[in-house]
Amino acid sequence: MSESPIDAANDLLREKGYSERDLAVHPAPRGKALLKGNSILSPLSDDAETVLRIVREAVPAHGELGTRTLRPADLRAQQSSP
């Protein structure tokens, strides 16, 4: 069985140095996923594949983030076009 987009996103976040409390992806109704935690201003909700792409392309390593807080609008603006 292949890894789900939510599991893959959480693996990437751990590789980038985030604890689950600071930033993690959680399942939501209707196939959606939520990116939420202490390092993001408000939860980001989208389909699981899009959230995985945002984590891969737009979320910086925890050390690069420093004391800044991520904003969902900034993450969406940074992602590559599909």
PDB file of N, CA and C in Angstrom:
ATOM      1  N   MET A   1       0.844  -1.190   0.000  1.00  0.00           N
ATOM      2  CA  MET A   1       0.000   0.000   0.000  1.00  0.00           C
ATOM      3  C   MET A   1       0.886   1.250   0.000  1.00  0.00           C
ATOM      4  N   SER A   2       0.566   2.202  -0.833  1.00  0.00           N
ATOM      5  CA  SER A   2       1.392   3.400  -0.926  1.00  0.00           C
ATOM      6  C   SER A   2       1.054   4.378   0.204  1.00  0.00           C
ATOM      7  N   GLU A   3       2.016   5.240   0.473  1.00  0.00           N
ATOM      8  CA  GLU A   3       1.865   6.228   1.527  1.00  0.00           C
ATOM      9  C   GLU A   3       0.861   7.295   1.105  1.00  0.00           C
ATOM     10  N   SER A   4       0.016   7.728   2.042  1.00  0.00           N
ATOM     11  CA  SER A   4      -0.971   8.760   1.724  1.00  0.00           C
ATOM     12  C   SER A   4      -0.283  10.120   1.624  1.00  0.00           C
ATOM     13  N   PRO A   5      -0.894  11.066   0.926  1.00  0.00           N
ATOM     14  CA  PRO A   5      -0.320  12.415   0.846  1.00  0.00           C
ATOM     15  C   PRO A   5      -0.153  13.055   2.236  1.00  0.00           C
ATOM     16  N   ILE A   6      -1.064  12.770   3.152  1.00  0.00           N
ATOM     17  CA  ILE A   6      -0.963  13.331   4.503  1.00  0.00           C
ATOM     18  C   ILE A   6       0.260  12.767   5.222  1.00  0.00           C
ATOM     19  N   ASP A   7       0.463  11.451   5.131  1.00  0.00           N
ATOM     20  CA  ASP A   7       1.650  10.838   5.748  1.00  0.00           C
ATOM     21  C   ASP A   7       2.931  11.373   5.120  1.00  0.00           C
ATOM     22  N   ALA A   8       2.934  11.505   3.792  1.00  0.00           N
ATOM     23  CA  ALA A   8       4.117  12.019   3.097  1.00  0.00           C
ATOM     24  C   ALA A   8       4.417  13.457   3.520  1.00  0.00           C
ATOM     25  N   ALA A   9       3.374  14.283   3.656  1.00  0.00           N
ATOM     26  CA  ALA A   9       3.570  15.672   4.084  1.00  0.00           C
ATOM     27  C   ALA A   9       4.134  15.726   5.498  1.00  0.00           C
ATOM     28  N   ASN A  10       3.618  14.891   6.379  1.00  0.00           N
ATOM     29  CA  ASN A  10       4.130  14.879   7.756  1.00  0.00           C
ATOM     30  C   ASN A  10       5.568  14.388   7.819  1.00  0.00           C
ATOM     31  N   ASP A  11       5.928  13.410   6.977  1.00  0.00           N
ATOM     32  CA  ASP A  11       7.321  12.966   6.905  1.00  0.00           C
ATOM     33  C   ASP A  11       8.225  14.115   6.455  1.00  0.00           C
ATOM     34  N   LEU A  12       7.787  14.857   5.439  1.00  0.00           N
ATOM     35  CA  LEU A  12       8.572  16.013   4.972  1.00  0.00           C
ATOM     36  C   LEU A  12       8.728  17.072   6.060  1.00  0.00           C
ATOM     37  N   LEU A  13       7.645  17.329   6.786  1.00  0.00           N
ATOM     38  CA  LEU A  13       7.718  18.328   7.858  1.00  0.00           C
ATOM     39  C   LEU A  13       8.700  17.891   8.942  1.00  0.00           C
ATOM     40  N   ARG A  14       8.700  16.600   9.288  1.00  0.00           N
ATOM     41  CA  ARG A  14       9.667  16.104  10.282  1.00  0.00           C
ATOM     42  C   ARG A  14      11.087  16.261   9.755  1.00  0.00           C
ATOM     43  N   GLU A  15      11.297  15.952   8.462  1.00  0.00           N
ATOM     44  CA  GLU A  15      12.630  16.124   7.860  1.00  0.00           C
ATOM     45  C   GLU A  15      13.071  17.582   7.896  1.00  0.00           C
ATOM     46  N   LYS A  16      12.105  18.499   7.805  1.00  0.00           N
ATOM     47  CA  LYS A  16      12.413  19.929   7.838  1.00  0.00           C
ATOM     48  C   LYS A  16      12.567  20.444   9.267  1.00  0.00           C
ATOM     49  N   GLY A  17      12.410  19.563  10.262  1.00  0.00           N
ATOM     50  CA  GLY A  17      12.689  19.931  11.646  1.00  0.00           C
ATOM     51  C   GLY A  17      11.484  20.327  12.483  1.00  0.00           C
ATOM     52  N   TYR A  18      10.280  20.141  11.979  1.00  0.00           N
ATOM     53  CA  TYR A  18       9.082  20.537  12.728  1.00  0.00           C
ATOM     54  C   TYR A  18       8.580  19.393  13.592  1.00  0.00           C
ATOM     55  N   SER A  19       8.201  19.713  14.835  1.00  0.00           N
ATOM     56  CA  SER A  19       7.496  18.744  15.660  1.00  0.00           C
ATOM     57  C   SER A  19       6.020  18.824  15.283  1.00  0.00           C
ATOM     58  N   GLU A  20       5.255  17.816  15.642  1.00  0.00           N
ATOM     59  CA  GLU A  20       3.830  17.818  15.300  1.00  0.00           C
ATOM     60  C   GLU A  20       3.115  19.015  15.911  1.00  0.00           C
ATOM     61  N   ARG A  21       3.550  19.441  17.071  1.00  0.00           N
ATOM     62  CA  ARG A  21       2.945  20.597  17.737  1.00  0.00           C
ATOM     63  C   ARG A  21       3.179  21.881  16.938  1.00  0.00           C
ATOM     64  N   ASP A  22       4.340  21.977  16.300  1.00  0.00           N
ATOM     65  CA  ASP A  22       4.682  23.200  15.569  1.00  0.00           C
ATOM     66  C   ASP A  22       4.049  23.270  14.184  1.00  0.00           C
ATOM     67  N   LEU A  23       3.988  22.145  13.485  1.00  0.00           N
ATOM     68  CA  LEU A  23       3.399  22.139  12.148  1.00  0.00           C
ATOM     69  C   LEU A  23       3.159  20.697  11.718  1.00  0.00           C
ATOM     70  N   ALA A  24       1.909  20.389  11.387  1.00  0.00           N
ATOM     71  CA  ALA A  24       1.554  19.041  10.956  1.00  0.00           C
ATOM     72  C   ALA A  24       0.331  19.096  10.052  1.00  0.00           C
ATOM     73  N   VAL A  25       0.151  18.036   9.280  1.00  0.00           N
ATOM     74  CA  VAL A  25      -1.003  17.912   8.395  1.00  0.00           C
ATOM     75  C   VAL A  25      -1.955  16.891   9.005  1.00  0.00           C
ATOM     76  N   HIS A  26      -3.229  17.262   9.063  1.00  0.00           N
ATOM     77  CA  HIS A  26      -4.264  16.418   9.656  1.00  0.00           C
ATOM     78  C   HIS A  26      -5.373  16.185   8.637  1.00  0.00           C
ATOM     79  N   PRO A  27      -5.999  15.002   8.679  1.00  0.00           N
ATOM     80  CA  PRO A  27      -7.119  14.748   7.772  1.00  0.00           C
ATOM     81  C   PRO A  27      -8.324  15.604   8.129  1.00  0.00           C
ATOM     82  N   ALA A  28      -9.079  15.981   7.127  1.00  0.00           N
ATOM     83  CA  ALA A  28     -10.300  16.771   7.301  1.00  0.00           C
ATOM     84  C   ALA A  28     -11.395  16.114   6.450  1.00  0.00           C
ATOM     85  N   PRO A  29     -12.640  16.486   6.668  1.00  0.00           N
ATOM     86  CA  PRO A  29     -13.734  15.889   5.891  1.00  0.00           C
ATOM     87  C   PRO A  29     -13.606  16.118   4.379  1.00  0.00           C
ATOM     88  N   ARG A  30     -14.220  15.223   3.614  1.00  0.00           N
ATOM     89  CA  ARG A  30     -14.312  15.308   2.149  1.00  0.00           C
ATOM     90  C   ARG A  30     -12.962  15.296   1.437  1.00  0.00           C
ATOM     91  N   GLY A  31     -12.017  14.529   1.955  1.00  0.00           N
ATOM     92  CA  GLY A  31     -10.723  14.397   1.297  1.00  0.00           C
ATOM     93  C   GLY A  31      -9.796  15.577   1.457  1.00  0.00           C
ATOM     94  N   LYS A  32     -10.169  16.500   2.295  1.00  0.00           N
ATOM     95  CA  LYS A  32      -9.325  17.684   2.530  1.00  0.00           C
ATOM     96  C   LYS A  32      -8.257  17.362   3.569  1.00  0.00           C
ATOM     97  N   ALA A  33      -7.276  18.241   3.660  1.00  0.00           N
ATOM     98  CA  ALA A  33      -6.222  18.132   4.665  1.00  0.00           C
ATOM     99  C   ALA A  33      -6.007  19.513   5.266  1.00  0.00           C
ATOM    100  N   LEU A  34      -5.628  19.539   6.535  1.00  0.00           N
ATOM    101  CA  LEU A  34      -5.354  20.792   7.242  1.00  0.00           C
ATOM    102  C   LEU A  34      -3.885  20.844   7.629  1.00  0.00           C
ATOM    103  N   LEU A  35      -3.221  21.935   7.272  1.00  0.00           N
ATOM    104  CA  LEU A  35      -1.868  22.205   7.738  1.00  0.00           C
ATOM    105  C   LEU A  35      -2.030  23.173   8.899  1.00  0.00           C
ATOM    106  N   LYS A  36      -1.668  22.725  10.104  1.00  0.00           N
ATOM    107  CA  LYS A  36      -1.867  23.592  11.252  1.00  0.00           C
ATOM    108  C   LYS A  36      -0.811  23.331  12.312  1.00  0.00           C
ATOM    109  N   GLY A  37      -0.698  24.279  13.234  1.00  0.00           N
ATOM    110  CA  GLY A  37       0.255  24.174  14.326  1.00  0.00           C
ATOM    111  C   GLY A  37       0.665  25.548  14.812  1.00  0.00           C
ATOM    112  N   ASN A  38       1.595  25.567  15.749  1.00  0.00           N
ATOM    113  CA  ASN A  38       2.051  26.825  16.357  1.00  0.00           C
ATOM    114  C   ASN A  38       2.831  27.712  15.390  1.00  0.00           C
ATOM    115  N   SER A  39       3.350  27.145  14.309  1.00  0.00           N
ATOM    116  CA  SER A  39       4.182  27.919  13.375  1.00  0.00           C
ATOM    117  C   SER A  39       3.407  28.531  12.224  1.00  0.00           C
ATOM    118  N   ILE A  40       2.088  28.375  12.220  1.00  0.00           N
ATOM    119  CA  ILE A  40       1.275  28.943  11.143  1.00  0.00           C
ATOM    120  C   ILE A  40       0.166  29.787  11.758  1.00  0.00           C
ATOM    121  N   LEU A  41      -0.080  30.947  11.183  1.00  0.00           N
ATOM    122  CA  LEU A  41      -1.040  31.911  11.722  1.00  0.00           C
ATOM    123  C   LEU A  41      -2.438  31.318  11.848  1.00  0.00           C
ATOM    124  N   SER A  42      -2.899  30.658  10.795  1.00  0.00           N
ATOM    125  CA  SER A  42      -4.210  30.001  10.805  1.00  0.00           C
ATOM    126  C   SER A  42      -4.104  28.752   9.941  1.00  0.00           C
ATOM    127  N   PRO A  43      -4.950  27.760  10.180  1.00  0.00           N
ATOM    128  CA  PRO A  43      -4.848  26.525   9.399  1.00  0.00           C
ATOM    129  C   PRO A  43      -5.048  26.759   7.903  1.00  0.00           C
ATOM    130  N   LEU A  44      -4.317  25.990   7.113  1.00  0.00           N
ATOM    131  CA  LEU A  44      -4.465  25.998   5.667  1.00  0.00           C
ATOM    132  C   LEU A  44      -5.215  24.725   5.300  1.00  0.00           C
ATOM    133  N   SER A  45      -6.315  24.874   4.586  1.00  0.00           N
ATOM    134  CA  SER A  45      -7.141  23.728   4.193  1.00  0.00           C
ATOM    135  C   SER A  45      -7.202  23.632   2.679  1.00  0.00           C
ATOM    136  N   ASP A  46      -6.957  22.424   2.171  1.00  0.00           N
ATOM    137  CA  ASP A  46      -7.070  22.169   0.734  1.00  0.00           C
ATOM    138  C   ASP A  46      -7.080  20.668   0.542  1.00  0.00           C
ATOM    139  N   ASP A  47      -7.138  20.210  -0.721  1.00  0.00           N
ATOM    140  CA  ASP A  47      -7.077  18.763  -0.925  1.00  0.00           C
ATOM    141  C   ASP A  47      -5.683  18.281  -0.524  1.00  0.00           C
ATOM    142  N   ALA A  48      -5.596  17.012  -0.164  1.00  0.00           N
ATOM    143  CA  ALA A  48      -4.363  16.469   0.416  1.00  0.00           C
ATOM    144  C   ALA A  48      -3.161  16.610  -0.514  1.00  0.00           C
ATOM    145  N   GLU A  49      -3.350  16.408  -1.813  1.00  0.00           N
ATOM    146  CA  GLU A  49      -2.237  16.536  -2.765  1.00  0.00           C
ATOM    147  C   GLU A  49      -1.714  17.971  -2.830  1.00  0.00           C
ATOM    148  N   THR A  50      -2.615  18.944  -2.763  1.00  0.00           N
ATOM    149  CA  THR A  50      -2.195  20.348  -2.794  1.00  0.00           C
ATOM    150  C   THR A  50      -1.428  20.707  -1.532  1.00  0.00           C
ATOM    151  N   VAL A  51      -1.902  20.237  -0.392  1.00  0.00           N
ATOM    152  CA  VAL A  51      -1.196  20.508   0.869  1.00  0.00           C
ATOM    153  C   VAL A  51       0.189  19.868   0.830  1.00  0.00           C
ATOM    154  N   LEU A  52       0.303  18.660   0.301  1.00  0.00           N
ATOM    155  CA  LEU A  52       1.611  18.018   0.162  1.00  0.00           C
ATOM    156  C   LEU A  52       2.528  18.862  -0.720  1.00  0.00           C
ATOM    157  N   ARG A  53       2.010  19.362  -1.842  1.00  0.00           N
ATOM    158  CA  ARG A  53       2.819  20.206  -2.728  1.00  0.00           C
ATOM    159  C   ARG A  53       3.262  21.489  -2.024  1.00  0.00           C
ATOM    160  N   ILE A  54       2.376  22.091  -1.240  1.00  0.00           N
ATOM    161  CA  ILE A  54       2.731  23.306  -0.485  1.00  0.00           C
ATOM    162  C   ILE A  54       3.825  23.003   0.529  1.00  0.00           C
ATOM    163  N   VAL A  55       3.702  21.893   1.242  1.00  0.00           N
ATOM    164  CA  VAL A  55       4.733  21.507   2.222  1.00  0.00           C
ATOM    165  C   VAL A  55       6.064  21.303   1.508  1.00  0.00           C
ATOM    166  N   ARG A  56       6.034  20.629   0.374  1.00  0.00           N
ATOM    167  CA  ARG A  56       7.267  20.320  -0.367  1.00  0.00           C
ATOM    168  C   ARG A  56       7.920  21.593  -0.916  1.00  0.00           C
ATOM    169  N   GLU A  57       7.117  22.505  -1.488  1.00  0.00           N
ATOM    170  CA  GLU A  57       7.661  23.632  -2.233  1.00  0.00           C
ATOM    171  C   GLU A  57       7.748  24.945  -1.468  1.00  0.00           C
ATOM    172  N   ALA A  58       6.898  25.148  -0.470  1.00  0.00           N
ATOM    173  CA  ALA A  58       6.809  26.487   0.131  1.00  0.00           C
ATOM    174  C   ALA A  58       7.154  26.564   1.605  1.00  0.00           C
ATOM    175  N   VAL A  59       7.076  25.463   2.326  1.00  0.00           N
ATOM    176  CA  VAL A  59       7.376  25.516   3.764  1.00  0.00           C
ATOM    177  C   VAL A  59       8.891  25.447   3.951  1.00  0.00           C
ATOM    178  N   PRO A  60       9.481  26.458   4.592  1.00  0.00           N
ATOM    179  CA  PRO A  60      10.927  26.437   4.814  1.00  0.00           C
ATOM    180  C   PRO A  60      11.296  25.470   5.941  1.00  0.00           C
ATOM    181  N   ALA A  61      12.560  25.136   6.035  1.00  0.00           N
ATOM    182  CA  ALA A  61      13.040  24.335   7.166  1.00  0.00           C
ATOM    183  C   ALA A  61      12.784  25.116   8.454  1.00  0.00           C
ATOM    184  N   HIS A  62      12.574  24.396   9.535  1.00  0.00           N
ATOM    185  CA  HIS A  62      12.270  25.035  10.818  1.00  0.00           C
ATOM    186  C   HIS A  62      13.359  26.037  11.208  1.00  0.00           C
ATOM    187  N   GLY A  63      14.610  25.690  10.977  1.00  0.00           N
ATOM    188  CA  GLY A  63      15.720  26.588  11.306  1.00  0.00           C
ATOM    189  C   GLY A  63      15.709  27.866  10.487  1.00  0.00           C
ATOM    190  N   GLU A  64      15.247  27.791   9.240  1.00  0.00           N
ATOM    191  CA  GLU A  64      15.162  28.977   8.385  1.00  0.00           C
ATOM    192  C   GLU A  64      14.008  29.879   8.792  1.00  0.00           C
ATOM    193  N   LEU A  65      12.964  29.292   9.358  1.00  0.00           N
ATOM    194  CA  LEU A  65      11.786  30.068   9.751  1.00  0.00           C
ATOM    195  C   LEU A  65      12.092  30.981  10.922  1.00  0.00           C
ATOM    196  N   GLY A  66      12.921  30.497  11.849  1.00  0.00           N
ATOM    197  CA  GLY A  66      13.256  31.298  13.028  1.00  0.00           C
ATOM    198  C   GLY A  66      12.019  31.596  13.852  1.00  0.00           C
ATOM    199  N   THR A  67      11.840  32.863  14.224  1.00  0.00           N
ATOM    200  CA  THR A  67      10.695  33.255  15.059  1.00  0.00           C
ATOM    201  C   THR A  67       9.502  33.723  14.222  1.00  0.00           C
ATOM    202  N   ARG A  68       9.645  33.710  12.905  1.00  0.00           N
ATOM    203  CA  ARG A  68       8.529  34.117  12.044  1.00  0.00           C
ATOM    204  C   ARG A  68       7.390  33.120  12.134  1.00  0.00           C
ATOM    205  N   THR A  69       6.204  33.568  11.754  1.00  0.00           N
ATOM    206  CA  THR A  69       5.024  32.714  11.676  1.00  0.00           C
ATOM    207  C   THR A  69       4.604  32.630  10.215  1.00  0.00           C
ATOM    208  N   LEU A  70       4.343  31.418   9.757  1.00  0.00           N
ATOM    209  CA  LEU A  70       3.887  31.225   8.379  1.00  0.00           C
ATOM    210  C   LEU A  70       2.468  31.751   8.216  1.00  0.00           C
ATOM    211  N   ARG A  71       2.167  32.268   7.031  1.00  0.00           N
ATOM    212  CA  ARG A  71       0.812  32.715   6.694  1.00  0.00           C
ATOM    213  C   ARG A  71       0.323  31.886   5.514  1.00  0.00           C
ATOM    214  N   PRO A  72      -0.899  31.336   5.599  1.00  0.00           N
ATOM    215  CA  PRO A  72      -1.411  30.526   4.492  1.00  0.00           C
ATOM    216  C   PRO A  72      -1.360  31.229   3.140  1.00  0.00           C
ATOM    217  N   ALA A  73      -1.683  32.503   3.087  1.00  0.00           N
ATOM    218  CA  ALA A  73      -1.662  33.232   1.811  1.00  0.00           C
ATOM    219  C   ALA A  73      -0.260  33.282   1.223  1.00  0.00           C
ATOM    220  N   ASP A  74       0.743  33.449   2.068  1.00  0.00           N
ATOM    221  CA  ASP A  74       2.129  33.468   1.584  1.00  0.00           C
ATOM    222  C   ASP A  74       2.539  32.094   1.047  1.00  0.00           C
ATOM    223  N   LEU A  75       2.123  31.030   1.731  1.00  0.00           N
ATOM    224  CA  LEU A  75       2.457  29.681   1.266  1.00  0.00           C
ATOM    225  C   LEU A  75       1.827  29.401  -0.087  1.00  0.00           C
ATOM    226  N   ARG A  76       0.566  29.795  -0.247  1.00  0.00           N
ATOM    227  CA  ARG A  76      -0.105  29.578  -1.532  1.00  0.00           C
ATOM    228  C   ARG A  76       0.574  30.379  -2.643  1.00  0.00           C
ATOM    229  N   ALA A  77       1.003  31.591  -2.338  1.00  0.00           N
ATOM    230  CA  ALA A  77       1.649  32.443  -3.336  1.00  0.00           C
ATOM    231  C   ALA A  77       3.000  31.868  -3.765  1.00  0.00           C
ATOM    232  N   GLN A  78       3.666  31.148  -2.869  1.00  0.00           N
ATOM    233  CA  GLN A  78       5.000  30.610  -3.167  1.00  0.00           C
ATOM    234  C   GLN A  78       4.971  29.303  -3.927  1.00  0.00           C
ATOM    235  N   GLN A  79       3.848  28.594  -3.901  1.00  0.00           N
ATOM    236  CA  GLN A  79       3.819  27.281  -4.565  1.00  0.00           C
ATOM    237  C   GLN A  79       3.867  27.435  -6.073  1.00  0.00           C
ATOM    238  N   SER A  80       4.436  26.464  -6.720  1.00  0.00           N
ATOM    239  CA  SER A  80       4.517  26.471  -8.186  1.00  0.00           C
ATOM    240  C   SER A  80       3.150  26.237  -8.779  1.00  0.00           C
ATOM    241  N   SER A  81       2.951  26.712  -9.964  1.00  0.00           N
ATOM    242  CA  SER A  81       1.689  26.465 -10.673  1.00  0.00           C
ATOM    243  C   SER A  81       1.609  24.986 -11.034  1.00  0.00           C
ATOM    244  N   PRO A  82       0.400  24.400 -10.961  1.00  0.00           N
ATOM    245  CA  PRO A  82       0.265  22.961 -11.288  1.00  0.00           C
ATOM    246  C   PRO A  82       0.523  22.667 -12.744  1.00  0.00           C
TER     247      PRO A  82
END
